[in-house]
Structures are given as structure tokens and as C-alpha cells.
Amino acid sequence: MLNQFLKFDPKATHDEILLALISLETLHMSEQLRLACRDAYDALVNILKEKFIESNWSHTAAEENAYLFFSMIEGASIYALTYQSKEPLEIISKVTMEIIRRGSK
């Protein structure tokens, strides 16, 4: 999954918009949009959580790390766009791999 993010070219024009940006932009505009963003976050975090559970992580550790990883990816993506650099994504890639290695022992 992180390899897909590392292929991201922040200097190129993309059709994708980060969920964080949509959430922040529409927060006070529409309760329906806010709820849709919340549901999207829940679905994305659940995907990560299930991957951790499949790798024999406890339910608690899986959920905590799913939130942590998704937050790091979203934050690093915002930095990457702002700085037009892959470096933030490369940094979190290393950190997440260290966490995964420690958690799988």
C-alpha cells in the first residue's frame, strides 16, 4: 500500500483530492458531506485494521495502528503536495515499516 503512495508525483496534476482536504473544505457546508467523509474515513481505517488483524495483531493494536498509519499517510500527503516532494511519504514509509516489524514479532 505504501508503495502506491511513494509512486505519487506531487508535481503532476492529479484528479484525486485528499479526503482530508474535502473534509476540511466541506465541514461547515453540509452535514451530509461531513457524514460521507466520516464514513469514508471509517472504511479506509477499517481496511488497514483488517490487514493488521489478518497479520495476527490484536484487535486493539490493529485499530490503534490503523488510525496512526492513515493519519500519517494523510498528513504526509498534504506535506508532499505543499512542498512538491516525495520526501514526507518516504519518511513515513520507513517509520511505518519499523512499526510493522516491531508489531509482528
N, C-alpha and C. Protein backbone atom coordinates (compact mmCIF):
# COMPACT_ATOMS: atom_id res chain seq x y z
N MET A 1 0.82 -1.19 0.00
CA MET A 1 0.00 0.00 0.00
C MET A 1 0.87 1.26 0.00
N LEU A 2 1.89 1.28 0.85
CA LEU A 2 2.74 2.47 0.90
C LEU A 2 3.49 2.67 -0.40
N ASN A 3 3.80 1.57 -1.10
CA ASN A 3 4.49 1.72 -2.38
C ASN A 3 3.66 2.52 -3.37
N GLN A 4 2.34 2.39 -3.31
CA GLN A 4 1.47 3.19 -4.17
C GLN A 4 1.60 4.66 -3.85
N PHE A 5 1.71 4.98 -2.57
CA PHE A 5 1.85 6.38 -2.17
C PHE A 5 3.21 6.92 -2.59
N LEU A 6 4.24 6.06 -2.55
CA LEU A 6 5.58 6.52 -2.92
C LEU A 6 5.69 6.79 -4.42
N LYS A 7 4.82 6.20 -5.22
CA LYS A 7 4.79 6.48 -6.65
C LYS A 7 4.12 7.81 -6.96
N PHE A 8 3.47 8.36 -5.97
CA PHE A 8 2.75 9.63 -6.09
C PHE A 8 3.71 10.73 -6.54
N ASP A 9 3.33 11.47 -7.56
CA ASP A 9 4.14 12.59 -8.04
C ASP A 9 3.44 13.89 -7.66
N PRO A 10 3.92 14.55 -6.59
CA PRO A 10 3.24 15.76 -6.12
C PRO A 10 3.33 16.92 -7.09
N LYS A 11 4.22 16.84 -8.07
CA LYS A 11 4.37 17.94 -9.03
C LYS A 11 3.41 17.79 -10.21
N ALA A 12 2.88 16.59 -10.39
CA ALA A 12 1.97 16.35 -11.51
C ALA A 12 0.56 16.75 -11.13
N THR A 13 -0.24 17.04 -12.12
CA THR A 13 -1.65 17.34 -11.88
C THR A 13 -2.38 16.03 -11.68
N HIS A 14 -3.18 15.96 -10.64
CA HIS A 14 -3.92 14.73 -10.32
C HIS A 14 -5.40 15.02 -10.24
N ASP A 15 -6.19 14.03 -10.58
CA ASP A 15 -7.64 14.14 -10.44
C ASP A 15 -8.06 13.84 -9.00
N GLU A 16 -7.20 13.14 -8.26
CA GLU A 16 -7.54 12.76 -6.90
C GLU A 16 -7.44 13.97 -5.97
N ILE A 17 -8.31 14.00 -4.99
CA ILE A 17 -8.25 15.02 -3.95
C ILE A 17 -8.22 14.28 -2.63
N LEU A 18 -7.32 14.69 -1.76
CA LEU A 18 -7.21 14.03 -0.46
C LEU A 18 -8.50 14.17 0.32
N LEU A 19 -8.87 13.11 0.99
CA LEU A 19 -10.08 13.12 1.81
C LEU A 19 -9.99 14.21 2.88
N ALA A 20 -8.81 14.42 3.43
CA ALA A 20 -8.64 15.46 4.45
C ALA A 20 -9.02 16.84 3.91
N LEU A 21 -8.63 17.11 2.68
CA LEU A 21 -8.94 18.41 2.09
C LEU A 21 -10.44 18.57 1.85
N ILE A 22 -11.08 17.52 1.40
CA ILE A 22 -12.53 17.56 1.19
C ILE A 22 -13.23 17.75 2.54
N SER A 23 -12.78 17.00 3.53
CA SER A 23 -13.39 17.09 4.86
C SER A 23 -13.30 18.49 5.43
N LEU A 24 -12.13 19.07 5.34
CA LEU A 24 -11.94 20.42 5.89
C LEU A 24 -12.72 21.47 5.11
N GLU A 25 -12.73 21.33 3.80
CA GLU A 25 -13.40 22.31 2.95
C GLU A 25 -14.92 22.29 3.13
N THR A 26 -15.47 21.12 3.37
CA THR A 26 -16.93 20.98 3.42
C THR A 26 -17.48 20.88 4.84
N LEU A 27 -16.62 20.93 5.83
CA LEU A 27 -17.01 20.71 7.22
C LEU A 27 -18.24 21.50 7.65
N HIS A 28 -18.28 22.78 7.33
CA HIS A 28 -19.39 23.62 7.78
C HIS A 28 -20.43 23.87 6.69
N MET A 29 -20.23 23.26 5.53
CA MET A 29 -21.16 23.48 4.42
C MET A 29 -22.36 22.56 4.46
N SER A 30 -22.11 21.31 4.81
CA SER A 30 -23.16 20.32 4.68
C SER A 30 -22.95 19.17 5.66
N GLU A 31 -23.96 18.89 6.44
CA GLU A 31 -23.90 17.76 7.36
C GLU A 31 -23.82 16.46 6.57
N GLN A 32 -24.49 16.40 5.44
CA GLN A 32 -24.47 15.20 4.61
C GLN A 32 -23.05 14.93 4.08
N LEU A 33 -22.35 15.96 3.64
CA LEU A 33 -20.96 15.78 3.18
C LEU A 33 -20.04 15.39 4.33
N ARG A 34 -20.25 16.00 5.50
CA ARG A 34 -19.44 15.66 6.66
C ARG A 34 -19.60 14.19 7.02
N LEU A 35 -20.84 13.72 7.00
CA LEU A 35 -21.10 12.31 7.31
C LEU A 35 -20.52 11.39 6.24
N ALA A 36 -20.57 11.80 4.99
CA ALA A 36 -19.98 11.00 3.91
C ALA A 36 -18.47 10.89 4.10
N CYS A 37 -17.83 11.99 4.48
CA CYS A 37 -16.39 11.97 4.74
C CYS A 37 -16.08 11.07 5.93
N ARG A 38 -16.90 11.16 6.97
CA ARG A 38 -16.70 10.30 8.15
C ARG A 38 -16.80 8.83 7.76
N ASP A 39 -17.80 8.50 6.94
CA ASP A 39 -17.97 7.12 6.50
C ASP A 39 -16.78 6.65 5.66
N ALA A 40 -16.27 7.55 4.83
CA ALA A 40 -15.10 7.21 4.01
C ALA A 40 -13.88 6.95 4.89
N TYR A 41 -13.67 7.81 5.89
CA TYR A 41 -12.58 7.59 6.84
C TYR A 41 -12.74 6.25 7.54
N ASP A 42 -13.95 5.96 8.02
CA ASP A 42 -14.19 4.69 8.70
C ASP A 42 -13.85 3.51 7.81
N ALA A 43 -14.25 3.58 6.55
CA ALA A 43 -13.99 2.48 5.61
C ALA A 43 -12.49 2.31 5.37
N LEU A 44 -11.78 3.41 5.19
CA LEU A 44 -10.35 3.33 4.93
C LEU A 44 -9.57 2.83 6.14
N VAL A 45 -9.92 3.31 7.31
CA VAL A 45 -9.26 2.85 8.54
C VAL A 45 -9.57 1.37 8.76
N ASN A 46 -10.79 0.96 8.45
CA ASN A 46 -11.17 -0.45 8.62
C ASN A 46 -10.36 -1.36 7.70
N ILE A 47 -10.05 -0.91 6.50
CA ILE A 47 -9.22 -1.71 5.59
C ILE A 47 -7.86 -1.97 6.22
N LEU A 48 -7.24 -0.92 6.74
CA LEU A 48 -5.94 -1.09 7.40
C LEU A 48 -6.05 -1.98 8.63
N LYS A 49 -7.08 -1.76 9.42
CA LYS A 49 -7.28 -2.55 10.64
C LYS A 49 -7.40 -4.04 10.30
N GLU A 50 -8.18 -4.35 9.28
CA GLU A 50 -8.35 -5.76 8.89
C GLU A 50 -7.04 -6.37 8.42
N LYS A 51 -6.21 -5.60 7.73
CA LYS A 51 -4.90 -6.11 7.30
C LYS A 51 -4.03 -6.45 8.50
N PHE A 52 -4.06 -5.59 9.52
CA PHE A 52 -3.30 -5.87 10.73
C PHE A 52 -3.84 -7.12 11.44
N ILE A 53 -5.15 -7.23 11.53
CA ILE A 53 -5.76 -8.40 12.18
C ILE A 53 -5.39 -9.67 11.43
N GLU A 54 -5.41 -9.62 10.09
CA GLU A 54 -5.01 -10.77 9.28
C GLU A 54 -3.56 -11.16 9.55
N SER A 55 -2.76 -10.19 9.98
CA SER A 55 -1.35 -10.45 10.29
C SER A 55 -1.14 -10.77 11.77
N ASN A 56 -2.22 -11.16 12.44
CA ASN A 56 -2.20 -11.62 13.83
C ASN A 56 -1.91 -10.52 14.86
N TRP A 57 -2.26 -9.29 14.55
CA TRP A 57 -2.17 -8.23 15.55
C TRP A 57 -3.45 -8.31 16.38
N SER A 58 -3.36 -7.90 17.64
CA SER A 58 -4.56 -7.86 18.47
C SER A 58 -5.53 -6.82 17.90
N HIS A 59 -6.80 -6.96 18.23
CA HIS A 59 -7.81 -6.02 17.74
C HIS A 59 -7.47 -4.59 18.14
N THR A 60 -7.05 -4.42 19.39
CA THR A 60 -6.72 -3.08 19.89
C THR A 60 -5.53 -2.49 19.15
N ALA A 61 -4.45 -3.27 19.03
CA ALA A 61 -3.26 -2.78 18.32
C ALA A 61 -3.57 -2.51 16.85
N ALA A 62 -4.39 -3.36 16.25
CA ALA A 62 -4.76 -3.17 14.85
C ALA A 62 -5.51 -1.86 14.66
N GLU A 63 -6.47 -1.60 15.53
CA GLU A 63 -7.25 -0.37 15.40
C GLU A 63 -6.40 0.87 15.66
N GLU A 64 -5.59 0.83 16.72
CA GLU A 64 -4.74 1.98 17.04
C GLU A 64 -3.77 2.29 15.91
N ASN A 65 -3.14 1.25 15.37
CA ASN A 65 -2.17 1.47 14.30
C ASN A 65 -2.83 1.84 12.98
N ALA A 66 -4.03 1.37 12.75
CA ALA A 66 -4.76 1.78 11.54
C ALA A 66 -5.01 3.28 11.55
N TYR A 67 -5.46 3.80 12.69
CA TYR A 67 -5.66 5.25 12.81
C TYR A 67 -4.33 6.00 12.66
N LEU A 68 -3.30 5.49 13.32
CA LEU A 68 -1.99 6.12 13.25
C LEU A 68 -1.47 6.15 11.82
N PHE A 69 -1.50 5.02 11.14
CA PHE A 69 -0.96 4.94 9.79
C PHE A 69 -1.75 5.81 8.83
N PHE A 70 -3.07 5.74 8.91
CA PHE A 70 -3.87 6.54 7.99
C PHE A 70 -3.63 8.03 8.22
N SER A 71 -3.51 8.42 9.47
CA SER A 71 -3.23 9.83 9.79
C SER A 71 -1.87 10.25 9.26
N MET A 72 -0.88 9.36 9.39
CA MET A 72 0.45 9.69 8.86
C MET A 72 0.43 9.81 7.35
N ILE A 73 -0.29 8.92 6.68
CA ILE A 73 -0.37 8.97 5.22
C ILE A 73 -1.05 10.25 4.77
N GLU A 74 -2.18 10.59 5.39
CA GLU A 74 -2.88 11.82 5.02
C GLU A 74 -2.01 13.05 5.28
N GLY A 75 -1.39 13.10 6.44
CA GLY A 75 -0.54 14.24 6.77
C GLY A 75 0.65 14.37 5.84
N ALA A 76 1.31 13.26 5.57
CA ALA A 76 2.47 13.28 4.68
C ALA A 76 2.05 13.64 3.25
N SER A 77 0.86 13.23 2.86
CA SER A 77 0.36 13.58 1.52
C SER A 77 0.15 15.08 1.40
N ILE A 78 -0.36 15.70 2.45
CA ILE A 78 -0.54 17.15 2.44
C ILE A 78 0.82 17.84 2.36
N TYR A 79 1.79 17.37 3.15
CA TYR A 79 3.14 17.92 3.07
C TYR A 79 3.72 17.73 1.67
N ALA A 80 3.54 16.54 1.10
CA ALA A 80 4.09 16.26 -0.23
C ALA A 80 3.52 17.22 -1.27
N LEU A 81 2.22 17.47 -1.21
CA LEU A 81 1.61 18.42 -2.14
C LEU A 81 2.14 19.83 -1.92
N THR A 82 2.24 20.22 -0.66
CA THR A 82 2.68 21.58 -0.34
C THR A 82 4.12 21.82 -0.75
N TYR A 83 4.98 20.87 -0.47
CA TYR A 83 6.40 21.01 -0.78
C TYR A 83 6.77 20.48 -2.17
N GLN A 84 5.80 19.86 -2.84
CA GLN A 84 6.03 19.21 -4.13
C GLN A 84 7.24 18.28 -4.05
N SER A 85 7.17 17.40 -3.05
CA SER A 85 8.27 16.49 -2.77
C SER A 85 7.72 15.16 -2.26
N LYS A 86 8.38 14.07 -2.63
CA LYS A 86 8.01 12.75 -2.13
C LYS A 86 8.62 12.46 -0.76
N GLU A 87 9.53 13.31 -0.32
CA GLU A 87 10.27 13.04 0.91
C GLU A 87 9.37 12.75 2.12
N PRO A 88 8.30 13.51 2.36
CA PRO A 88 7.45 13.17 3.52
C PRO A 88 6.88 11.75 3.44
N LEU A 89 6.52 11.31 2.25
CA LEU A 89 5.99 9.95 2.09
C LEU A 89 7.07 8.91 2.29
N GLU A 90 8.28 9.22 1.84
CA GLU A 90 9.40 8.29 2.04
C GLU A 90 9.73 8.15 3.52
N ILE A 91 9.66 9.25 4.25
CA ILE A 91 9.94 9.22 5.68
C ILE A 91 8.92 8.36 6.41
N ILE A 92 7.63 8.58 6.16
CA ILE A 92 6.63 7.78 6.88
C ILE A 92 6.66 6.33 6.44
N SER A 93 7.11 6.08 5.22
CA SER A 93 7.24 4.69 4.77
C SER A 93 8.24 3.95 5.66
N LYS A 94 9.36 4.59 5.94
CA LYS A 94 10.37 3.98 6.81
C LYS A 94 9.82 3.77 8.22
N VAL A 95 9.16 4.78 8.75
CA VAL A 95 8.63 4.70 10.11
C VAL A 95 7.56 3.62 10.22
N THR A 96 6.66 3.57 9.25
CA THR A 96 5.60 2.56 9.31
C THR A 96 6.17 1.15 9.21
N MET A 97 7.19 0.97 8.39
CA MET A 97 7.80 -0.36 8.28
C MET A 97 8.45 -0.77 9.59
N GLU A 98 9.06 0.18 10.30
CA GLU A 98 9.64 -0.13 11.61
C GLU A 98 8.55 -0.55 12.59
N ILE A 99 7.43 0.15 12.58
CA ILE A 99 6.32 -0.20 13.48
C ILE A 99 5.78 -1.58 13.13
N ILE A 100 5.63 -1.87 11.86
CA ILE A 100 5.13 -3.18 11.43
C ILE A 100 6.09 -4.28 11.86
N ARG A 101 7.39 -4.07 11.67
CA ARG A 101 8.37 -5.09 12.08
C ARG A 101 8.30 -5.35 13.58
N ARG A 102 8.21 -4.29 14.37
CA ARG A 102 8.13 -4.44 15.83
C ARG A 102 6.83 -5.13 16.24
N GLY A 103 5.74 -4.78 15.57
CA GLY A 103 4.44 -5.33 15.93
C GLY A 103 4.26 -6.78 15.53
N SER A 104 5.00 -7.22 14.53
CA SER A 104 4.82 -8.59 14.05
C SER A 104 5.70 -9.59 14.79
N LYS A 105 6.48 -9.13 15.74
CA LYS A 105 7.37 -10.03 16.50
C LYS A 105 6.62 -10.75 17.58
